């Protein structure tokens, strides 16, 4: 499944390469050399990871903390997968 470049509209990215993008990490289109990334709203998924890490350290209930961290990791994956590519 190819992802289209928002600059030129051509299929230039694989779905897997999109998952490794971040708001501050860009990738250059092979077709038009335009830079693309994902929106800054994708960092919302970090909140459960940070909260889970804090809970696992602050309390003696590591199971709860690790469960929240895993949930946050899944959220990050789903958010990254659903975010559109944007021009940078």
PDB file of N, CA and C in Angstrom:
ATOM      1  N   UNK A   1       0.850  -1.172   0.000  1.00  0.00           N
ATOM      2  CA  UNK A   1       0.000   0.000   0.000  1.00  0.00           C
ATOM      3  C   UNK A   1       0.894   1.234   0.000  1.00  0.00           C
ATOM      4  N   UNK A   2       0.859   1.978  -1.040  1.00  0.00           N
ATOM      5  CA  UNK A   2       1.701   3.155  -1.150  1.00  0.00           C
ATOM      6  C   UNK A   2       1.013   4.412  -0.650  1.00  0.00           C
ATOM      7  N   UNK A   3       1.803   5.294  -0.109  1.00  0.00           N
ATOM      8  CA  UNK A   3       1.299   6.572   0.375  1.00  0.00           C
ATOM      9  C   UNK A   3       1.647   7.642  -0.652  1.00  0.00           C
ATOM     10  N   UNK A   4       0.695   8.509  -0.925  1.00  0.00           N
ATOM     11  CA  UNK A   4       0.909   9.569  -1.912  1.00  0.00           C
ATOM     12  C   UNK A   4       1.577  10.779  -1.274  1.00  0.00           C
ATOM     13  N   UNK A   5       2.481  11.364  -2.017  1.00  0.00           N
ATOM     14  CA  UNK A   5       3.169  12.577  -1.586  1.00  0.00           C
ATOM     15  C   UNK A   5       2.187  13.746  -1.641  1.00  0.00           C
ATOM     16  N   UNK A   6       2.102  14.557  -0.580  1.00  0.00           N
ATOM     17  CA  UNK A   6       1.196  15.705  -0.627  1.00  0.00           C
ATOM     18  C   UNK A   6       1.680  16.820  -1.561  1.00  0.00           C
ATOM     19  N   UNK A   7       2.951  16.777  -1.965  1.00  0.00           N
ATOM     20  CA  UNK A   7       3.482  17.784  -2.888  1.00  0.00           C
ATOM     21  C   UNK A   7       3.106  17.463  -4.332  1.00  0.00           C
ATOM     22  N   UNK A   8       3.439  16.249  -4.770  1.00  0.00           N
ATOM     23  CA  UNK A   8       3.261  15.909  -6.186  1.00  0.00           C
ATOM     24  C   UNK A   8       2.098  14.953  -6.439  1.00  0.00           C
ATOM     25  N   UNK A   9       1.579  14.307  -5.398  1.00  0.00           N
ATOM     26  CA  UNK A   9       0.447  13.405  -5.556  1.00  0.00           C
ATOM     27  C   UNK A   9       0.806  12.015  -6.049  1.00  0.00           C
ATOM     28  N   UNK A  10       2.088  11.740  -6.244  1.00  0.00           N
ATOM     29  CA  UNK A  10       2.509  10.422  -6.718  1.00  0.00           C
ATOM     30  C   UNK A  10       2.761   9.492  -5.536  1.00  0.00           C
ATOM     31  N   UNK A  11       2.599   8.201  -5.778  1.00  0.00           N
ATOM     32  CA  UNK A  11       2.892   7.211  -4.743  1.00  0.00           C
ATOM     33  C   UNK A  11       4.403   7.169  -4.557  1.00  0.00           C
ATOM     34  N   UNK A  12       4.850   7.536  -3.361  1.00  0.00           N
ATOM     35  CA  UNK A  12       6.291   7.651  -3.140  1.00  0.00           C
ATOM     36  C   UNK A  12       6.755   7.059  -1.817  1.00  0.00           C
ATOM     37  N   UNK A  13       5.826   6.650  -0.960  1.00  0.00           N
ATOM     38  CA  UNK A  13       6.200   6.150   0.358  1.00  0.00           C
ATOM     39  C   UNK A  13       5.466   4.860   0.648  1.00  0.00           C
ATOM     40  N   UNK A  14       6.124   3.977   1.356  1.00  0.00           N
ATOM     41  CA  UNK A  14       5.444   2.768   1.807  1.00  0.00           C
ATOM     42  C   UNK A  14       4.740   3.076   3.130  1.00  0.00           C
ATOM     43  N   UNK A  15       3.765   2.263   3.452  1.00  0.00           N
ATOM     44  CA  UNK A  15       3.053   2.437   4.711  1.00  0.00           C
ATOM     45  C   UNK A  15       4.012   2.262   5.884  1.00  0.00           C
ATOM     46  N   UNK A  16       4.934   1.322   5.768  1.00  0.00           N
ATOM     47  CA  UNK A  16       5.898   1.078   6.844  1.00  0.00           C
ATOM     48  C   UNK A  16       6.797   2.291   7.071  1.00  0.00           C
ATOM     49  N   UNK A  17       7.214   2.960   6.007  1.00  0.00           N
ATOM     50  CA  UNK A  17       8.077   4.131   6.188  1.00  0.00           C
ATOM     51  C   UNK A  17       7.314   5.274   6.855  1.00  0.00           C
ATOM     52  N   UNK A  18       6.008   5.338   6.642  1.00  0.00           N
ATOM     53  CA  UNK A  18       5.196   6.364   7.292  1.00  0.00           C
ATOM     54  C   UNK A  18       5.164   6.150   8.805  1.00  0.00           C
ATOM     55  N   UNK A  19       5.163   4.896   9.245  1.00  0.00           N
ATOM     56  CA  UNK A  19       5.100   4.608  10.671  1.00  0.00           C
ATOM     57  C   UNK A  19       6.347   5.067  11.412  1.00  0.00           C
ATOM     58  N   UNK A  20       7.452   5.236  10.706  1.00  0.00           N
ATOM     59  CA  UNK A  20       8.684   5.682  11.343  1.00  0.00           C
ATOM     60  C   UNK A  20       8.871   7.194  11.281  1.00  0.00           C
ATOM     61  N   UNK A  21       7.897   7.892  10.706  1.00  0.00           N
ATOM     62  CA  UNK A  21       7.948   9.347  10.709  1.00  0.00           C
ATOM     63  C   UNK A  21       7.441   9.864  12.046  1.00  0.00           C
ATOM     64  N   UNK A  22       7.857  11.034  12.387  1.00  0.00           N
ATOM     65  CA  UNK A  22       7.360  11.711  13.575  1.00  0.00           C
ATOM     66  C   UNK A  22       7.129  13.161  13.225  1.00  0.00           C
ATOM     67  N   UNK A  23       6.547  13.919  14.135  1.00  0.00           N
ATOM     68  CA  UNK A  23       6.297  15.327  13.838  1.00  0.00           C
ATOM     69  C   UNK A  23       7.578  16.111  13.536  1.00  0.00           C
ATOM     70  N   UNK A  24       8.664  15.728  14.162  1.00  0.00           N
ATOM     71  CA  UNK A  24       9.930  16.427  13.934  1.00  0.00           C
ATOM     72  C   UNK A  24      10.833  15.685  12.954  1.00  0.00           C
ATOM     73  N   UNK A  25      10.381  14.555  12.474  1.00  0.00           N
ATOM     74  CA  UNK A  25      11.182  13.750  11.546  1.00  0.00           C
ATOM     75  C   UNK A  25      10.528  13.782  10.171  1.00  0.00           C
ATOM     76  N   UNK A  26      11.270  14.194   9.179  1.00  0.00           N
ATOM     77  CA  UNK A  26      10.725  14.298   7.830  1.00  0.00           C
ATOM     78  C   UNK A  26      11.360  13.262   6.915  1.00  0.00           C
ATOM     79  N   UNK A  27      10.704  13.057   5.790  1.00  0.00           N
ATOM     80  CA  UNK A  27      11.213  12.169   4.755  1.00  0.00           C
ATOM     81  C   UNK A  27      11.076  12.899   3.432  1.00  0.00           C
ATOM     82  N   UNK A  28      12.037  12.677   2.562  1.00  0.00           N
ATOM     83  CA  UNK A  28      12.029  13.347   1.273  1.00  0.00           C
ATOM     84  C   UNK A  28      11.386  12.445   0.223  1.00  0.00           C
ATOM     85  N   UNK A  29      10.520  13.032  -0.587  1.00  0.00           N
ATOM     86  CA  UNK A  29       9.855  12.303  -1.663  1.00  0.00           C
ATOM     87  C   UNK A  29      10.885  11.936  -2.733  1.00  0.00           C
ATOM     88  N   UNK A  30      10.844  10.693  -3.186  1.00  0.00           N
ATOM     89  CA  UNK A  30      11.767  10.248  -4.233  1.00  0.00           C
ATOM     90  C   UNK A  30      11.434  10.875  -5.587  1.00  0.00           C
ATOM     91  N   UNK A  31      10.184  11.269  -5.768  1.00  0.00           N
ATOM     92  CA  UNK A  31       9.737  11.799  -7.052  1.00  0.00           C
ATOM     93  C   UNK A  31      10.022  13.298  -7.206  1.00  0.00           C
ATOM     94  N   UNK A  32       9.623  14.095  -6.195  1.00  0.00           N
ATOM     95  CA  UNK A  32       9.708  15.556  -6.340  1.00  0.00           C
ATOM     96  C   UNK A  32      10.667  16.216  -5.350  1.00  0.00           C
ATOM     97  N   UNK A  33      11.274  15.444  -4.471  1.00  0.00           N
ATOM     98  CA  UNK A  33      12.211  15.932  -3.449  1.00  0.00           C
ATOM     99  C   UNK A  33      11.546  16.801  -2.380  1.00  0.00           C
ATOM    100  N   UNK A  34      10.225  16.821  -2.330  1.00  0.00           N
ATOM    101  CA  UNK A  34       9.519  17.574  -1.293  1.00  0.00           C
ATOM    102  C   UNK A  34       9.604  16.844   0.043  1.00  0.00           C
ATOM    103  N   UNK A  35       9.643  17.590   1.124  1.00  0.00           N
ATOM    104  CA  UNK A  35       9.712  16.991   2.459  1.00  0.00           C
ATOM    105  C   UNK A  35       8.305  16.801   3.015  1.00  0.00           C
ATOM    106  N   UNK A  36       8.088  15.635   3.623  1.00  0.00           N
ATOM    107  CA  UNK A  36       6.796  15.329   4.236  1.00  0.00           C
ATOM    108  C   UNK A  36       7.009  14.798   5.646  1.00  0.00           C
ATOM    109  N   UNK A  37       5.969  14.908   6.434  1.00  0.00           N
ATOM    110  CA  UNK A  37       5.979  14.410   7.798  1.00  0.00           C
ATOM    111  C   UNK A  37       4.536  14.157   8.203  1.00  0.00           C
ATOM    112  N   UNK A  38       4.324  13.893   9.486  1.00  0.00           N
ATOM    113  CA  UNK A  38       2.965  13.756   9.999  1.00  0.00           C
ATOM    114  C   UNK A  38       2.692  14.934  10.932  1.00  0.00           C
ATOM    115  N   UNK A  39       1.422  15.247  11.193  1.00  0.00           N
ATOM    116  CA  UNK A  39       1.090  16.417  12.021  1.00  0.00           C
ATOM    117  C   UNK A  39       1.574  16.287  13.471  1.00  0.00           C
ATOM    118  N   UNK A  40       1.702  17.420  14.120  1.00  0.00           N
ATOM    119  CA  UNK A  40       2.146  17.460  15.513  1.00  0.00           C
ATOM    120  C   UNK A  40       1.133  16.841  16.461  1.00  0.00           C
ATOM    121  N   UNK A  41      -0.109  16.715  16.048  1.00  0.00           N
ATOM    122  CA  UNK A  41      -1.123  16.126  16.927  1.00  0.00           C
ATOM    123  C   UNK A  41      -0.873  14.640  17.181  1.00  0.00           C
ATOM    124  N   UNK A  42       0.054  14.049  16.469  1.00  0.00           N
ATOM    125  CA  UNK A  42       0.350  12.634  16.671  1.00  0.00           C
ATOM    126  C   UNK A  42       1.022  12.364  18.014  1.00  0.00           C
ATOM    127  N   UNK A  43       1.519  13.397  18.681  1.00  0.00           N
ATOM    128  CA  UNK A  43       2.184  13.174  19.968  1.00  0.00           C
ATOM    129  C   UNK A  43       1.192  12.940  21.106  1.00  0.00           C
ATOM    130  N   UNK A  44      -0.101  13.002  20.813  1.00  0.00           N
ATOM    131  CA  UNK A  44      -1.120  12.715  21.829  1.00  0.00           C
ATOM    132  C   UNK A  44      -0.920  11.308  22.394  1.00  0.00           C
ATOM    133  N   UNK A  45      -0.473  10.399  21.570  1.00  0.00           N
ATOM    134  CA  UNK A  45      -0.262   9.021  22.011  1.00  0.00           C
ATOM    135  C   UNK A  45       0.830   8.866  23.047  1.00  0.00           C
ATOM    136  N   UNK A  46       1.676   9.867  23.206  1.00  0.00           N
ATOM    137  CA  UNK A  46       2.731   9.780  24.216  1.00  0.00           C
ATOM    138  C   UNK A  46       2.203   9.921  25.639  1.00  0.00           C
ATOM    139  N   UNK A  47       1.061  10.553  25.802  1.00  0.00           N
ATOM    140  CA  UNK A  47       0.527  10.783  27.148  1.00  0.00           C
ATOM    141  C   UNK A  47       0.343   9.479  27.933  1.00  0.00           C
ATOM    142  N   UNK A  48      -0.316   8.441  27.386  1.00  0.00           N
ATOM    143  CA  UNK A  48      -0.443   7.203  28.160  1.00  0.00           C
ATOM    144  C   UNK A  48       0.902   6.541  28.462  1.00  0.00           C
ATOM    145  N   UNK A  49       1.848   6.658  27.559  1.00  0.00           N
ATOM    146  CA  UNK A  49       3.163   6.064  27.800  1.00  0.00           C
ATOM    147  C   UNK A  49       3.842   6.759  28.979  1.00  0.00           C
ATOM    148  N   UNK A  50       3.787   8.082  28.991  1.00  0.00           N
ATOM    149  CA  UNK A  50       4.408   8.827  30.086  1.00  0.00           C
ATOM    150  C   UNK A  50       3.682   8.598  31.408  1.00  0.00           C
ATOM    151  N   UNK A  51       2.359   8.578  31.364  1.00  0.00           N
ATOM    152  CA  UNK A  51       1.578   8.332  32.583  1.00  0.00           C
ATOM    153  C   UNK A  51       1.841   6.921  33.106  1.00  0.00           C
ATOM    154  N   UNK A  52       1.872   5.957  32.204  1.00  0.00           N
ATOM    155  CA  UNK A  52       2.146   4.580  32.616  1.00  0.00           C
ATOM    156  C   UNK A  52       3.529   4.422  33.213  1.00  0.00           C
ATOM    157  N   UNK A  53       4.513   5.088  32.618  1.00  0.00           N
ATOM    158  CA  UNK A  53       5.863   5.047  33.170  1.00  0.00           C
ATOM    159  C   UNK A  53       5.916   5.655  34.557  1.00  0.00           C
ATOM    160  N   UNK A  54       5.234   6.768  34.736  1.00  0.00           N
ATOM    161  CA  UNK A  54       5.193   7.409  36.050  1.00  0.00           C
ATOM    162  C   UNK A  54       4.502   6.510  37.068  1.00  0.00           C
ATOM    163  N   UNK A  55       3.361   5.922  36.688  1.00  0.00           N
ATOM    164  CA  UNK A  55       2.631   5.065  37.623  1.00  0.00           C
ATOM    165  C   UNK A  55       3.428   3.826  38.011  1.00  0.00           C
ATOM    166  N   UNK A  56       4.158   3.265  37.062  1.00  0.00           N
ATOM    167  CA  UNK A  56       4.932   2.068  37.395  1.00  0.00           C
ATOM    168  C   UNK A  56       6.098   2.400  38.323  1.00  0.00           C
ATOM    169  N   UNK A  57       6.592   3.635  38.269  1.00  0.00           N
ATOM    170  CA  UNK A  57       7.670   4.048  39.168  1.00  0.00           C
ATOM    171  C   UNK A  57       7.112   4.511  40.515  1.00  0.00           C
ATOM    172  N   UNK A  58       6.033   5.286  40.484  1.00  0.00           N
ATOM    173  CA  UNK A  58       5.500   5.902  41.702  1.00  0.00           C
ATOM    174  C   UNK A  58       4.726   4.932  42.587  1.00  0.00           C
ATOM    175  N   UNK A  59       4.173   3.891  42.011  1.00  0.00           N
ATOM    176  CA  UNK A  59       3.394   2.934  42.802  1.00  0.00           C
ATOM    177  C   UNK A  59       4.087   1.578  42.760  1.00  0.00           C
ATOM    178  N   UNK A  60       3.612   0.704  43.573  1.00  0.00           N
ATOM    179  CA  UNK A  60       4.168  -0.649  43.550  1.00  0.00           C
ATOM    180  C   UNK A  60       3.416  -1.544  42.571  1.00  0.00           C
ATOM    181  N   UNK A  61       2.461  -0.973  41.852  1.00  0.00           N
ATOM    182  CA  UNK A  61       1.658  -1.744  40.904  1.00  0.00           C
ATOM    183  C   UNK A  61       2.274  -1.634  39.506  1.00  0.00           C
ATOM    184  N   UNK A  62       3.302  -2.425  39.258  1.00  0.00           N
ATOM    185  CA  UNK A  62       3.970  -2.384  37.954  1.00  0.00           C
ATOM    186  C   UNK A  62       3.088  -2.905  36.830  1.00  0.00           C
ATOM    187  N   UNK A  63       2.185  -3.818  37.153  1.00  0.00           N
ATOM    188  CA  UNK A  63       1.312  -4.371  36.123  1.00  0.00           C
ATOM    189  C   UNK A  63       0.439  -3.286  35.511  1.00  0.00           C
ATOM    190  N   UNK A  64      -0.117  -2.423  36.343  1.00  0.00           N
ATOM    191  CA  UNK A  64      -0.938  -1.323  35.842  1.00  0.00           C
ATOM    192  C   UNK A  64      -0.107  -0.385  34.979  1.00  0.00           C
ATOM    193  N   UNK A  65       1.066  -0.012  35.459  1.00  0.00           N
ATOM    194  CA  UNK A  65       1.925   0.895  34.703  1.00  0.00           C
ATOM    195  C   UNK A  65       2.328   0.322  33.359  1.00  0.00           C
ATOM    196  N   UNK A  66       2.736  -0.940  33.347  1.00  0.00           N
ATOM    197  CA  UNK A  66       3.151  -1.558  32.087  1.00  0.00           C
ATOM    198  C   UNK A  66       1.972  -1.747  31.140  1.00  0.00           C
ATOM    199  N   UNK A  67       0.796  -2.020  31.686  1.00  0.00           N
ATOM    200  CA  UNK A  67      -0.401  -2.146  30.844  1.00  0.00           C
ATOM    201  C   UNK A  67      -0.712  -0.823  30.152  1.00  0.00           C
ATOM    202  N   UNK A  68      -0.583   0.264  30.894  1.00  0.00           N
ATOM    203  CA  UNK A  68      -0.838   1.582  30.308  1.00  0.00           C
ATOM    204  C   UNK A  68       0.225   1.914  29.265  1.00  0.00           C
ATOM    205  N   UNK A  69       1.474   1.530  29.515  1.00  0.00           N
ATOM    206  CA  UNK A  69       2.540   1.760  28.537  1.00  0.00           C
ATOM    207  C   UNK A  69       2.251   0.991  27.248  1.00  0.00           C
ATOM    208  N   UNK A  70       1.816  -0.251  27.364  1.00  0.00           N
ATOM    209  CA  UNK A  70       1.489  -1.046  26.177  1.00  0.00           C
ATOM    210  C   UNK A  70       0.307  -0.431  25.440  1.00  0.00           C
ATOM    211  N   UNK A  71      -0.712  -0.003  26.189  1.00  0.00           N
ATOM    212  CA  UNK A  71      -1.860   0.671  25.579  1.00  0.00           C
ATOM    213  C   UNK A  71      -1.405   1.921  24.832  1.00  0.00           C
ATOM    214  N   UNK A  72      -0.506   2.692  25.434  1.00  0.00           N
ATOM    215  CA  UNK A  72       0.017   3.893  24.777  1.00  0.00           C
ATOM    216  C   UNK A  72       0.788   3.567  23.510  1.00  0.00           C
ATOM    217  N   UNK A  73       1.552   2.484  23.539  1.00  0.00           N
ATOM    218  CA  UNK A  73       2.279   2.068  22.339  1.00  0.00           C
ATOM    219  C   UNK A  73       1.339   1.706  21.204  1.00  0.00           C
ATOM    220  N   UNK A  74       0.258   1.021  21.540  1.00  0.00           N
ATOM    221  CA  UNK A  74      -0.741   0.679  20.525  1.00  0.00           C
ATOM    222  C   UNK A  74      -1.415   1.947  20.004  1.00  0.00           C
ATOM    223  N   UNK A  75      -1.695   2.886  20.909  1.00  0.00           N
ATOM    224  CA  UNK A  75      -2.294   4.158  20.486  1.00  0.00           C
ATOM    225  C   UNK A  75      -1.380   4.914  19.531  1.00  0.00           C
ATOM    226  N   UNK A  76      -0.088   4.935  19.839  1.00  0.00           N
ATOM    227  CA  UNK A  76       0.866   5.624  18.965  1.00  0.00           C
ATOM    228  C   UNK A  76       0.837   5.003  17.577  1.00  0.00           C
ATOM    229  N   UNK A  77       0.828   3.672  17.506  1.00  0.00           N
ATOM    230  CA  UNK A  77       0.780   2.985  16.214  1.00  0.00           C
ATOM    231  C   UNK A  77      -0.485   3.361  15.448  1.00  0.00           C
ATOM    232  N   UNK A  78      -1.637   3.325  16.114  1.00  0.00           N
ATOM    233  CA  UNK A  78      -2.899   3.629  15.436  1.00  0.00           C
ATOM    234  C   UNK A  78      -2.977   5.093  15.007  1.00  0.00           C
ATOM    235  N   UNK A  79      -2.469   5.982  15.842  1.00  0.00           N
ATOM    236  CA  UNK A  79      -2.479   7.403  15.484  1.00  0.00           C
ATOM    237  C   UNK A  79      -1.569   7.646  14.287  1.00  0.00           C
ATOM    238  N   UNK A  80      -0.370   7.059  14.318  1.00  0.00           N
ATOM    239  CA  UNK A  80       0.562   7.211  13.194  1.00  0.00           C
ATOM    240  C   UNK A  80      -0.055   6.675  11.903  1.00  0.00           C
ATOM    241  N   UNK A  81      -0.741   5.539  12.006  1.00  0.00           N
ATOM    242  CA  UNK A  81      -1.324   4.920  10.818  1.00  0.00           C
ATOM    243  C   UNK A  81      -2.457   5.758  10.238  1.00  0.00           C
ATOM    244  N   UNK A  82      -3.186   6.472  11.091  1.00  0.00           N
ATOM    245  CA  UNK A  82      -4.343   7.219  10.602  1.00  0.00           C
ATOM    246  C   UNK A  82      -4.018   8.654  10.192  1.00  0.00           C
ATOM    247  N   UNK A  83      -2.877   9.167  10.583  1.00  0.00           N
ATOM    248  CA  UNK A  83      -2.523  10.552  10.263  1.00  0.00           C
ATOM    249  C   UNK A  83      -2.165  10.696   8.783  1.00  0.00           C
ATOM    250  N   UNK A  84      -2.610  11.764   8.170  1.00  0.00           N
ATOM    251  CA  UNK A  84      -2.221  12.002   6.775  1.00  0.00           C
ATOM    252  C   UNK A  84      -0.803  12.570   6.712  1.00  0.00           C
ATOM    253  N   UNK A  85      -0.160  12.369   5.593  1.00  0.00           N
ATOM    254  CA  UNK A  85       1.135  13.009   5.380  1.00  0.00           C
ATOM    255  C   UNK A  85       0.897  14.487   5.105  1.00  0.00           C
ATOM    256  N   UNK A  86       1.798  15.328   5.573  1.00  0.00           N
ATOM    257  CA  UNK A  86       1.656  16.759   5.303  1.00  0.00           C
ATOM    258  C   UNK A  86       2.976  17.340   4.819  1.00  0.00           C
ATOM    259  N   UNK A  87       2.857  18.444   4.103  1.00  0.00           N
ATOM    260  CA  UNK A  87       4.038  19.126   3.555  1.00  0.00           C
ATOM    261  C   UNK A  87       4.840  19.752   4.680  1.00  0.00           C
ATOM    262  N   UNK A  88       6.152  19.751   4.518  1.00  0.00           N
ATOM    263  CA  UNK A  88       7.031  20.448   5.468  1.00  0.00           C
ATOM    264  C   UNK A  88       7.960  21.348   4.712  1.00  0.00           C
TER     265      UNK A  88
END
